Amino acid sequence: MEWFIAALAVVALGVAAVVAAGGGGSMASEPVRDTYAMAVSEDPLGGDDVRALRFGVALRGYAMDQVDAVLDRVATELEAKDARIAELTAQLAAAAPGGPQEPVQGPPAEAWERPR
């Protein structure tokens, strides 16, 4: 009886080794996502869009790939808006009577803070 249990244990370990080595088939090529992924439109992001964003919660907090993708997109759109603002400011200064003048200052930083 002891030999039977020992042989059964050896067979079980052999099967486990074969499966661990990939002998039991391969995994799916695409990973299965188990976190909520919020769909974000392709339109330019506005303040309300960013405030409404909700990320999927993963084991250690938010799903990092979702947060990284949104932060990259926000950074790109902010750079594009800054470039457009600089371009329009230069056009406005060139079109002003009397030639280029000092750039117009925007509202103070306190005006952009979100009320709590």
N, C-alpha and C. Protein backbone atom coordinates (compact mmCIF):
# COMPACT_ATOMS: atom_id res chain seq x y z
N MET A 1 0.81 -1.19 0.00
CA MET A 1 0.00 0.00 0.00
C MET A 1 0.86 1.26 0.00
N GLU A 2 1.97 1.20 0.73
CA GLU A 2 2.86 2.37 0.77
C GLU A 2 3.47 2.63 -0.59
N TRP A 3 3.77 1.56 -1.35
CA TRP A 3 4.34 1.73 -2.67
C TRP A 3 3.33 2.36 -3.62
N PHE A 4 2.10 2.03 -3.45
CA PHE A 4 1.05 2.59 -4.30
C PHE A 4 0.92 4.10 -4.07
N ILE A 5 0.92 4.53 -2.81
CA ILE A 5 0.83 5.96 -2.47
C ILE A 5 2.06 6.70 -2.98
N ALA A 6 3.25 6.08 -2.86
CA ALA A 6 4.48 6.71 -3.35
C ALA A 6 4.43 6.83 -4.87
N ALA A 7 3.97 5.79 -5.55
CA ALA A 7 3.87 5.84 -7.02
C ALA A 7 2.85 6.88 -7.45
N LEU A 8 1.74 6.97 -6.74
CA LEU A 8 0.72 7.98 -7.05
C LEU A 8 1.27 9.39 -6.86
N ALA A 9 2.05 9.60 -5.82
CA ALA A 9 2.66 10.91 -5.58
C ALA A 9 3.65 11.25 -6.68
N VAL A 10 4.43 10.28 -7.14
CA VAL A 10 5.40 10.53 -8.22
C VAL A 10 4.65 10.88 -9.51
N VAL A 11 3.59 10.16 -9.80
CA VAL A 11 2.81 10.45 -11.01
C VAL A 11 2.19 11.86 -10.91
N ALA A 12 1.65 12.21 -9.77
CA ALA A 12 1.04 13.54 -9.59
C ALA A 12 2.08 14.64 -9.75
N LEU A 13 3.26 14.44 -9.19
CA LEU A 13 4.33 15.43 -9.37
C LEU A 13 4.78 15.51 -10.82
N GLY A 14 4.81 14.39 -11.52
CA GLY A 14 5.18 14.39 -12.94
C GLY A 14 4.17 15.15 -13.77
N VAL A 15 2.88 14.93 -13.51
CA VAL A 15 1.84 15.66 -14.23
C VAL A 15 1.93 17.16 -13.94
N ALA A 16 2.16 17.53 -12.70
CA ALA A 16 2.30 18.94 -12.33
C ALA A 16 3.50 19.56 -13.03
N ALA A 17 4.60 18.83 -13.16
CA ALA A 17 5.79 19.35 -13.84
C ALA A 17 5.52 19.56 -15.32
N VAL A 18 4.81 18.62 -15.96
CA VAL A 18 4.49 18.75 -17.38
C VAL A 18 3.59 19.96 -17.62
N VAL A 19 2.59 20.14 -16.78
CA VAL A 19 1.68 21.28 -16.93
C VAL A 19 2.43 22.59 -16.69
N ALA A 20 3.30 22.61 -15.68
CA ALA A 20 4.07 23.83 -15.39
C ALA A 20 5.02 24.19 -16.52
N ALA A 21 5.49 23.19 -17.24
CA ALA A 21 6.42 23.42 -18.35
C ALA A 21 5.69 23.82 -19.63
N GLY A 22 4.38 23.87 -19.60
CA GLY A 22 3.63 24.29 -20.78
C GLY A 22 3.07 23.14 -21.56
N GLY A 23 3.17 21.97 -21.06
CA GLY A 23 2.67 20.81 -21.77
C GLY A 23 1.16 20.72 -21.78
N GLY A 24 0.48 21.49 -20.97
CA GLY A 24 -0.97 21.43 -20.91
C GLY A 24 -1.66 22.40 -21.85
N GLY A 25 -0.93 23.01 -22.74
CA GLY A 25 -1.50 24.00 -23.65
C GLY A 25 -0.95 25.38 -23.32
N SER A 26 -1.29 26.35 -24.12
CA SER A 26 -0.78 27.70 -23.89
C SER A 26 -1.91 28.60 -23.41
N MET A 27 -1.50 29.72 -22.85
CA MET A 27 -2.47 30.70 -22.38
C MET A 27 -2.96 31.52 -23.56
N ALA A 28 -4.05 32.22 -23.36
CA ALA A 28 -4.59 33.09 -24.39
C ALA A 28 -3.59 34.19 -24.71
N SER A 29 -3.58 34.63 -25.98
CA SER A 29 -2.62 35.65 -26.38
C SER A 29 -2.94 37.02 -25.77
N GLU A 30 -4.21 37.29 -25.58
CA GLU A 30 -4.62 38.56 -24.98
C GLU A 30 -4.92 38.35 -23.50
N PRO A 31 -4.40 39.22 -22.64
CA PRO A 31 -4.70 39.06 -21.22
C PRO A 31 -6.16 39.39 -20.92
N VAL A 32 -6.68 38.74 -19.93
CA VAL A 32 -8.04 39.00 -19.51
C VAL A 32 -8.01 40.17 -18.53
N ARG A 33 -8.82 41.18 -18.80
CA ARG A 33 -8.87 42.35 -17.94
C ARG A 33 -9.93 42.14 -16.88
N ASP A 34 -9.54 42.31 -15.65
CA ASP A 34 -10.52 42.15 -14.58
C ASP A 34 -10.80 43.46 -13.87
N THR A 35 -10.41 44.57 -14.49
CA THR A 35 -10.69 45.88 -13.92
C THR A 35 -11.62 46.63 -14.86
N TYR A 36 -12.41 47.51 -14.30
CA TYR A 36 -13.34 48.33 -15.06
C TYR A 36 -12.56 49.32 -15.90
N ALA A 37 -12.84 49.39 -17.18
CA ALA A 37 -12.19 50.35 -18.06
C ALA A 37 -13.25 51.31 -18.59
N MET A 38 -13.16 52.56 -18.17
CA MET A 38 -14.13 53.57 -18.58
C MET A 38 -13.81 54.02 -20.00
N ALA A 39 -14.80 54.06 -20.85
CA ALA A 39 -14.60 54.52 -22.22
C ALA A 39 -14.51 56.04 -22.22
N VAL A 40 -13.48 56.56 -22.87
CA VAL A 40 -13.27 58.00 -22.99
C VAL A 40 -13.40 58.35 -24.47
N SER A 41 -14.20 59.36 -24.78
CA SER A 41 -14.41 59.72 -26.18
C SER A 41 -13.12 60.25 -26.80
N GLU A 42 -13.10 60.27 -28.11
CA GLU A 42 -11.93 60.76 -28.84
C GLU A 42 -11.93 62.29 -28.96
N ASP A 43 -13.02 62.93 -28.54
CA ASP A 43 -13.08 64.39 -28.57
C ASP A 43 -12.09 64.96 -27.57
N PRO A 44 -11.65 66.21 -27.76
CA PRO A 44 -10.74 66.81 -26.78
C PRO A 44 -11.35 66.81 -25.38
N LEU A 45 -10.52 66.55 -24.42
CA LEU A 45 -10.98 66.48 -23.03
C LEU A 45 -11.25 67.87 -22.49
N GLY A 46 -12.33 67.99 -21.77
CA GLY A 46 -12.64 69.23 -21.08
C GLY A 46 -12.53 69.02 -19.58
N GLY A 47 -12.68 70.07 -18.83
CA GLY A 47 -12.59 69.98 -17.38
C GLY A 47 -13.60 69.02 -16.79
N ASP A 48 -14.83 69.05 -17.32
CA ASP A 48 -15.86 68.14 -16.80
C ASP A 48 -15.52 66.69 -17.11
N ASP A 49 -14.91 66.45 -18.28
CA ASP A 49 -14.52 65.08 -18.64
C ASP A 49 -13.48 64.54 -17.67
N VAL A 50 -12.49 65.37 -17.34
CA VAL A 50 -11.44 64.92 -16.42
C VAL A 50 -12.01 64.71 -15.03
N ARG A 51 -12.89 65.58 -14.58
CA ARG A 51 -13.50 65.41 -13.26
C ARG A 51 -14.38 64.16 -13.18
N ALA A 52 -14.97 63.76 -14.31
CA ALA A 52 -15.87 62.61 -14.33
C ALA A 52 -15.13 61.27 -14.49
N LEU A 53 -13.83 61.31 -14.75
CA LEU A 53 -13.09 60.07 -14.96
C LEU A 53 -13.09 59.21 -13.71
N ARG A 54 -13.29 57.93 -13.89
CA ARG A 54 -13.18 56.95 -12.81
C ARG A 54 -12.37 55.79 -13.34
N PHE A 55 -11.36 55.38 -12.62
CA PHE A 55 -10.47 54.32 -13.05
C PHE A 55 -10.82 53.02 -12.35
N GLY A 56 -10.48 51.92 -13.00
CA GLY A 56 -10.69 50.61 -12.41
C GLY A 56 -9.76 50.42 -11.23
N VAL A 57 -10.25 49.75 -10.21
CA VAL A 57 -9.45 49.50 -9.03
C VAL A 57 -8.78 48.14 -9.19
N ALA A 58 -7.48 48.11 -9.00
CA ALA A 58 -6.70 46.88 -9.11
C ALA A 58 -6.24 46.48 -7.72
N LEU A 59 -5.40 45.47 -7.67
CA LEU A 59 -4.95 44.93 -6.40
C LEU A 59 -4.27 45.98 -5.54
N ARG A 60 -3.44 46.80 -6.14
CA ARG A 60 -2.69 47.81 -5.38
C ARG A 60 -3.16 49.22 -5.65
N GLY A 61 -4.40 49.43 -5.91
CA GLY A 61 -4.91 50.77 -6.15
C GLY A 61 -5.55 50.84 -7.52
N TYR A 62 -5.29 51.92 -8.25
CA TYR A 62 -5.88 52.09 -9.57
C TYR A 62 -5.09 51.31 -10.60
N ALA A 63 -5.75 50.97 -11.69
CA ALA A 63 -5.09 50.27 -12.80
C ALA A 63 -4.12 51.25 -13.46
N MET A 64 -2.84 50.96 -13.32
CA MET A 64 -1.81 51.91 -13.76
C MET A 64 -1.85 52.17 -15.26
N ASP A 65 -2.17 51.18 -16.07
CA ASP A 65 -2.20 51.41 -17.51
C ASP A 65 -3.29 52.39 -17.91
N GLN A 66 -4.43 52.36 -17.22
CA GLN A 66 -5.50 53.31 -17.50
C GLN A 66 -5.10 54.72 -17.09
N VAL A 67 -4.52 54.86 -15.92
CA VAL A 67 -4.11 56.18 -15.43
C VAL A 67 -3.01 56.75 -16.33
N ASP A 68 -2.03 55.94 -16.70
CA ASP A 68 -0.95 56.40 -17.56
C ASP A 68 -1.47 56.86 -18.91
N ALA A 69 -2.42 56.12 -19.48
CA ALA A 69 -2.97 56.50 -20.78
C ALA A 69 -3.69 57.84 -20.71
N VAL A 70 -4.48 58.05 -19.67
CA VAL A 70 -5.21 59.32 -19.54
C VAL A 70 -4.24 60.47 -19.27
N LEU A 71 -3.24 60.25 -18.42
CA LEU A 71 -2.27 61.31 -18.15
C LEU A 71 -1.48 61.68 -19.40
N ASP A 72 -1.10 60.69 -20.20
CA ASP A 72 -0.40 60.98 -21.46
C ASP A 72 -1.28 61.81 -22.39
N ARG A 73 -2.55 61.44 -22.46
CA ARG A 73 -3.48 62.17 -23.33
C ARG A 73 -3.69 63.59 -22.84
N VAL A 74 -3.87 63.77 -21.54
CA VAL A 74 -4.06 65.11 -20.98
C VAL A 74 -2.82 65.96 -21.24
N ALA A 75 -1.64 65.39 -21.04
CA ALA A 75 -0.40 66.14 -21.28
C ALA A 75 -0.29 66.57 -22.74
N THR A 76 -0.62 65.67 -23.66
CA THR A 76 -0.55 66.00 -25.09
C THR A 76 -1.53 67.11 -25.45
N GLU A 77 -2.76 67.01 -24.92
CA GLU A 77 -3.75 68.03 -25.24
C GLU A 77 -3.39 69.37 -24.61
N LEU A 78 -2.81 69.37 -23.42
CA LEU A 78 -2.39 70.63 -22.80
C LEU A 78 -1.26 71.28 -23.60
N GLU A 79 -0.31 70.46 -24.08
CA GLU A 79 0.77 71.00 -24.91
C GLU A 79 0.22 71.61 -26.19
N ALA A 80 -0.75 70.94 -26.81
CA ALA A 80 -1.35 71.46 -28.03
C ALA A 80 -2.08 72.78 -27.76
N LYS A 81 -2.80 72.83 -26.65
CA LYS A 81 -3.53 74.07 -26.30
C LYS A 81 -2.55 75.20 -25.99
N ASP A 82 -1.47 74.90 -25.28
CA ASP A 82 -0.46 75.93 -24.98
C ASP A 82 0.16 76.46 -26.27
N ALA A 83 0.45 75.57 -27.21
CA ALA A 83 1.03 76.00 -28.49
C ALA A 83 0.03 76.86 -29.25
N ARG A 84 -1.22 76.48 -29.24
CA ARG A 84 -2.25 77.27 -29.94
C ARG A 84 -2.43 78.63 -29.29
N ILE A 85 -2.40 78.69 -27.97
CA ILE A 85 -2.51 79.97 -27.26
C ILE A 85 -1.34 80.87 -27.61
N ALA A 86 -0.13 80.31 -27.65
CA ALA A 86 1.05 81.11 -28.00
C ALA A 86 0.94 81.62 -29.44
N GLU A 87 0.44 80.78 -30.34
CA GLU A 87 0.28 81.18 -31.73
C GLU A 87 -0.74 82.30 -31.87
N LEU A 88 -1.86 82.17 -31.19
CA LEU A 88 -2.89 83.21 -31.26
C LEU A 88 -2.45 84.50 -30.60
N THR A 89 -1.69 84.38 -29.50
CA THR A 89 -1.16 85.58 -28.84
C THR A 89 -0.20 86.31 -29.77
N ALA A 90 0.64 85.56 -30.48
CA ALA A 90 1.57 86.18 -31.42
C ALA A 90 0.82 86.84 -32.57
N GLN A 91 -0.23 86.21 -33.08
CA GLN A 91 -1.03 86.81 -34.15
C GLN A 91 -1.73 88.07 -33.67
N LEU A 92 -2.23 88.03 -32.46
CA LEU A 92 -2.91 89.20 -31.90
C LEU A 92 -1.94 90.35 -31.72
N ALA A 93 -0.75 90.04 -31.24
CA ALA A 93 0.25 91.09 -31.03
C ALA A 93 0.69 91.69 -32.36
N ALA A 94 0.83 90.84 -33.39
CA ALA A 94 1.26 91.34 -34.69
C ALA A 94 0.16 92.16 -35.36
N ALA A 95 -1.09 91.83 -35.11
CA ALA A 95 -2.20 92.54 -35.74
C ALA A 95 -2.61 93.80 -35.00
N ALA A 96 -2.10 93.98 -33.79
CA ALA A 96 -2.48 95.15 -33.00
C ALA A 96 -1.90 96.41 -33.63
N PRO A 97 -2.68 97.52 -33.59
CA PRO A 97 -2.14 98.78 -34.13
C PRO A 97 -0.94 99.23 -33.31
N GLY A 98 0.08 99.65 -33.99
CA GLY A 98 1.28 100.11 -33.30
C GLY A 98 2.30 98.99 -33.12
N GLY A 99 2.07 97.83 -33.69
CA GLY A 99 3.04 96.74 -33.62
C GLY A 99 2.87 95.87 -32.39
N PRO A 100 3.81 94.99 -32.17
CA PRO A 100 3.72 94.06 -31.03
C PRO A 100 3.75 94.79 -29.70
N GLN A 101 2.96 94.32 -28.77
CA GLN A 101 2.89 94.89 -27.43
C GLN A 101 3.11 93.78 -26.43
N GLU A 102 3.03 94.14 -25.16
CA GLU A 102 3.17 93.15 -24.10
C GLU A 102 2.03 92.14 -24.19
N PRO A 103 2.30 90.86 -23.94
CA PRO A 103 1.21 89.88 -23.97
C PRO A 103 0.19 90.15 -22.86
N VAL A 104 -1.04 89.84 -23.17
CA VAL A 104 -2.12 90.04 -22.22
C VAL A 104 -2.01 88.98 -21.13
N GLN A 105 -2.06 89.43 -19.87
CA GLN A 105 -1.98 88.49 -18.76
C GLN A 105 -3.35 87.90 -18.50
N GLY A 106 -3.37 86.62 -18.17
CA GLY A 106 -4.61 85.93 -17.85
C GLY A 106 -5.00 86.18 -16.41
N PRO A 107 -6.07 85.55 -15.97
CA PRO A 107 -6.50 85.72 -14.59
C PRO A 107 -5.49 85.12 -13.63
N PRO A 108 -5.48 85.55 -12.38
CA PRO A 108 -4.53 85.00 -11.41
C PRO A 108 -4.78 83.51 -11.20
N ALA A 109 -3.77 82.83 -10.70
CA ALA A 109 -3.84 81.37 -10.51
C ALA A 109 -4.99 80.98 -9.60
N GLU A 110 -5.36 81.83 -8.66
CA GLU A 110 -6.44 81.50 -7.72
C GLU A 110 -7.76 81.32 -8.47
N ALA A 111 -7.93 82.00 -9.62
CA ALA A 111 -9.16 81.91 -10.37
C ALA A 111 -9.33 80.52 -10.99
N TRP A 112 -8.23 79.81 -11.18
CA TRP A 112 -8.29 78.48 -11.84
C TRP A 112 -8.48 77.37 -10.83
N GLU A 113 -8.35 77.65 -9.55
CA GLU A 113 -8.49 76.60 -8.55
C GLU A 113 -9.93 76.14 -8.46
N ARG A 114 -10.09 74.85 -8.28
CA ARG A 114 -11.41 74.25 -8.18
C ARG A 114 -12.00 74.49 -6.81
N PRO A 115 -13.25 74.99 -6.73
CA PRO A 115 -13.85 75.21 -5.40
C PRO A 115 -14.06 73.89 -4.69
N ARG A 116 -13.86 73.91 -3.40
CA ARG A 116 -14.01 72.68 -2.61
C ARG A 116 -15.29 72.63 -1.87
